[in-house]
Amino acid sequence: MIDHTAAEFLAAASSCFGLMGVITHLTLALDKMTVAVMKPRKVPVVQAIPPPPGYIVPEALQPTVPLTPEEMAEAQAEFERRATGDYYAEWFWFPYSDYAWINTWETSTDREGTVDYPDGFYKVLQLASTLLLQVLQQTAALTKTAQWFPLVRTTLICEVTREMCQRSLDLDED
């Protein structure tokens, strides 16, 4: 029998793509049910993912008001805390946007005050925006116009997606 104490064997077996043999018995250990505690943020790109010291930030991504070394250190500490400490983390940046969206969350067993997300309205909004983006992308491919005005097309797609993300943040604050 192989259990969680055979860490070295399990690590090797996990990369064998089924070549270890036939599994005849499996026991799953599941974590206790929790809820996601998510607080999305929209911040300037250089604060979302701070560049290493000495790195020259492209002019287009530099904030309008330069950050002090203390603010950069604070942004670095917040980035590291979220990346290493939160249960799940993702950062989104859309081309031609000065901002990045940070979605990280922790888990909690306290269900008080929780809400279903997305709700019915937001599910429809997500479906409509996904459909619109697919139409924009497929139209360019089908009409063989992908090479025409790539900046305009990319900007339009990014702006629609960015707007959907912003509406998501606005809905969460209500």
Protein backbone atom coordinates (compact mmCIF):
# COMPACT_ATOMS: atom_id res chain seq x y z
CA MET A 1 0.00 0.00 0.00
CA ILE A 2 1.23 3.48 -0.86
CA ASP A 3 0.04 6.43 1.22
CA HIS A 4 0.92 10.08 1.81
CA THR A 5 4.08 9.13 3.71
CA ALA A 6 5.72 7.83 0.52
CA ALA A 7 6.32 11.34 -0.81
CA GLU A 8 9.32 10.44 -2.98
CA PHE A 9 7.51 7.54 -4.63
CA LEU A 10 4.35 9.58 -5.16
CA ALA A 11 6.36 12.37 -6.80
CA ALA A 12 7.94 9.86 -9.20
CA ALA A 13 4.65 8.08 -9.87
CA SER A 14 2.82 11.33 -10.61
CA SER A 15 4.99 11.85 -13.69
CA CYS A 16 4.76 8.31 -15.07
CA PHE A 17 1.63 8.93 -17.16
CA GLY A 18 -0.04 5.69 -16.05
CA LEU A 19 3.00 3.48 -16.65
CA MET A 20 3.17 2.38 -13.00
CA GLY A 21 0.41 -0.14 -13.53
CA VAL A 22 -3.30 -0.46 -12.97
CA ILE A 23 -4.80 1.27 -9.93
CA THR A 24 -7.28 -1.05 -8.26
CA HIS A 25 -8.05 0.96 -5.14
CA LEU A 26 -8.06 4.69 -4.44
CA THR A 27 -8.84 6.68 -1.31
CA LEU A 28 -9.32 10.41 -1.63
CA ALA A 29 -8.62 12.77 1.26
CA LEU A 30 -10.66 15.94 0.86
CA ASP A 31 -10.25 19.24 2.62
CA LYS A 32 -13.12 20.60 4.67
CA MET A 33 -15.59 22.69 2.63
CA THR A 34 -14.68 26.37 2.65
CA VAL A 35 -15.73 29.58 0.94
CA ALA A 36 -13.51 31.87 -1.11
CA VAL A 37 -12.83 35.29 0.36
CA MET A 38 -11.95 37.41 -2.65
CA LYS A 39 -11.12 41.10 -2.76
CA PRO A 40 -10.21 42.05 -6.34
CA ARG A 41 -8.04 45.12 -6.88
CA LYS A 42 -7.24 47.38 -9.81
CA VAL A 43 -3.86 49.08 -9.51
CA PRO A 44 -1.23 50.61 -11.81
CA VAL A 45 0.86 47.91 -13.50
CA VAL A 46 4.09 48.82 -11.70
CA GLN A 47 2.35 48.41 -8.36
CA ALA A 48 0.64 45.14 -9.33
CA ILE A 49 3.89 43.42 -10.30
CA PRO A 50 6.73 45.64 -9.09
CA PRO A 51 9.85 45.54 -11.25
CA PRO A 52 13.14 44.47 -9.67
CA PRO A 53 15.40 47.27 -8.39
CA GLY A 54 17.25 48.94 -11.24
CA TYR A 55 14.85 47.68 -13.92
CA ILE A 56 13.89 50.39 -16.38
CA VAL A 57 10.10 50.46 -16.68
CA PRO A 58 8.90 51.21 -20.24
CA GLU A 59 7.65 54.77 -20.51
CA ALA A 60 4.11 53.65 -21.39
CA LEU A 61 3.81 51.78 -18.06
CA GLN A 62 5.33 54.42 -15.81
CA PRO A 63 2.81 55.94 -13.40
CA THR A 64 1.85 59.58 -13.91
CA VAL A 65 3.14 60.36 -10.41
CA PRO A 66 6.45 58.56 -9.74
CA LEU A 67 6.36 56.18 -6.79
CA THR A 68 8.64 56.78 -3.84
CA PRO A 69 11.07 54.03 -2.81
CA GLU A 70 8.84 53.40 0.22
CA GLU A 71 5.77 52.96 -2.01
CA MET A 72 7.70 50.57 -4.26
CA ALA A 73 8.86 48.58 -1.22
CA GLU A 74 5.25 48.43 0.02
CA ALA A 75 4.04 47.28 -3.42
CA GLN A 76 6.78 44.62 -3.50
CA ALA A 77 5.83 43.35 -0.03
CA GLU A 78 2.13 43.23 -0.99
CA PHE A 79 2.94 41.37 -4.23
CA GLU A 80 5.08 38.81 -2.37
CA ARG A 81 2.43 38.37 0.35
CA ARG A 82 -0.30 37.70 -2.20
CA ALA A 83 1.85 35.47 -4.42
CA THR A 84 3.13 33.27 -1.61
CA GLY A 85 0.48 33.56 1.09
CA ASP A 86 -2.94 33.61 -0.54
CA TYR A 87 -4.68 30.35 -1.42
CA TYR A 88 -5.04 31.32 -5.09
CA ALA A 89 -3.67 34.25 -7.04
CA GLU A 90 -3.95 35.65 -10.55
CA TRP A 91 -2.86 38.90 -12.17
CA PHE A 92 -4.39 40.26 -15.40
CA TRP A 93 -3.04 42.98 -17.62
CA PHE A 94 -4.55 44.01 -20.93
CA PRO A 95 -2.40 45.57 -23.66
CA TYR A 96 -2.62 49.36 -23.83
CA SER A 97 -3.94 49.53 -20.27
CA ASP A 98 -2.14 51.37 -17.46
CA TYR A 99 -3.75 49.13 -14.86
CA ALA A 100 -3.64 45.49 -13.84
CA TRP A 101 -6.35 43.49 -12.10
CA ILE A 102 -5.36 41.39 -9.12
CA ASN A 103 -7.62 38.54 -8.08
CA THR A 104 -6.39 36.68 -5.02
CA TRP A 105 -8.35 34.95 -2.35
CA GLU A 106 -8.10 33.05 0.85
CA THR A 107 -10.39 30.36 2.18
CA SER A 108 -12.62 30.57 5.23
CA THR A 109 -15.05 28.26 6.98
CA ASP A 110 -17.18 31.24 8.08
CA ARG A 111 -20.11 31.43 5.64
CA GLU A 112 -21.74 34.46 7.28
CA GLY A 113 -22.21 37.28 4.81
CA THR A 114 -21.31 35.19 1.76
CA VAL A 115 -23.02 35.74 -1.57
CA ASP A 116 -23.23 33.61 -4.68
CA TYR A 117 -20.93 34.97 -7.33
CA PRO A 118 -21.59 35.46 -10.10
CA ASP A 119 -25.30 36.03 -9.63
CA GLY A 120 -27.90 35.68 -12.39
CA PHE A 121 -27.37 39.16 -13.88
CA TYR A 122 -23.61 38.86 -13.91
CA LYS A 123 -23.77 35.40 -15.50
CA VAL A 124 -25.72 36.91 -18.41
CA LEU A 125 -23.23 39.79 -18.61
CA GLN A 126 -20.31 37.35 -18.74
CA LEU A 127 -22.02 35.28 -21.44
CA ALA A 128 -22.77 38.39 -23.53
CA SER A 129 -19.23 39.74 -23.24
CA THR A 130 -17.72 36.35 -24.13
CA LEU A 131 -19.99 36.13 -27.16
CA LEU A 132 -19.06 39.65 -28.25
CA LEU A 133 -15.33 38.94 -27.95
CA GLN A 134 -15.70 35.70 -29.93
CA VAL A 135 -17.56 37.56 -32.68
CA LEU A 136 -14.80 40.21 -32.83
CA GLN A 137 -12.05 37.60 -33.03
CA GLN A 138 -13.81 35.29 -35.49
CA THR A 139 -14.91 38.12 -37.78
CA ALA A 140 -11.30 39.14 -38.30
CA ALA A 141 -10.30 35.53 -39.04
CA LEU A 142 -13.22 34.76 -41.35
CA THR A 143 -13.00 37.98 -43.35
CA LYS A 144 -9.21 37.70 -43.62
CA THR A 145 -8.87 41.20 -42.16
CA ALA A 146 -6.77 40.22 -39.15
CA GLN A 147 -3.80 42.05 -40.65
CA TRP A 148 -5.84 45.24 -41.15
CA PHE A 149 -5.77 47.69 -38.31
CA PRO A 150 -4.37 45.23 -35.73
CA LEU A 151 -3.91 48.02 -33.20
CA VAL A 152 -7.56 49.09 -33.51
CA ARG A 153 -8.85 45.51 -33.26
CA THR A 154 -6.58 44.64 -30.31
CA THR A 155 -7.48 47.87 -28.55
CA LEU A 156 -11.20 47.24 -29.05
CA ILE A 157 -10.97 43.69 -27.68
CA CYS A 158 -8.87 44.83 -24.73
CA GLU A 159 -11.19 47.73 -23.95
CA VAL A 160 -14.29 45.52 -23.97
CA THR A 161 -12.56 42.99 -21.70
CA ARG A 162 -11.20 45.73 -19.44
CA GLU A 163 -14.68 47.23 -19.15
CA MET A 164 -16.11 43.85 -18.13
CA CYS A 165 -13.41 43.49 -15.45
CA GLN A 166 -14.14 47.00 -14.20
CA ARG A 167 -17.87 46.27 -14.02
CA SER A 168 -17.02 43.14 -12.07
CA LEU A 169 -15.14 45.25 -9.53
CA ASP A 170 -17.97 47.78 -9.40
CA LEU A 171 -20.52 45.02 -8.76
CA ASP A 172 -18.37 43.56 -6.00
CA GLU A 173 -18.25 46.91 -4.18
CA ASP A 174 -22.05 47.19 -4.00
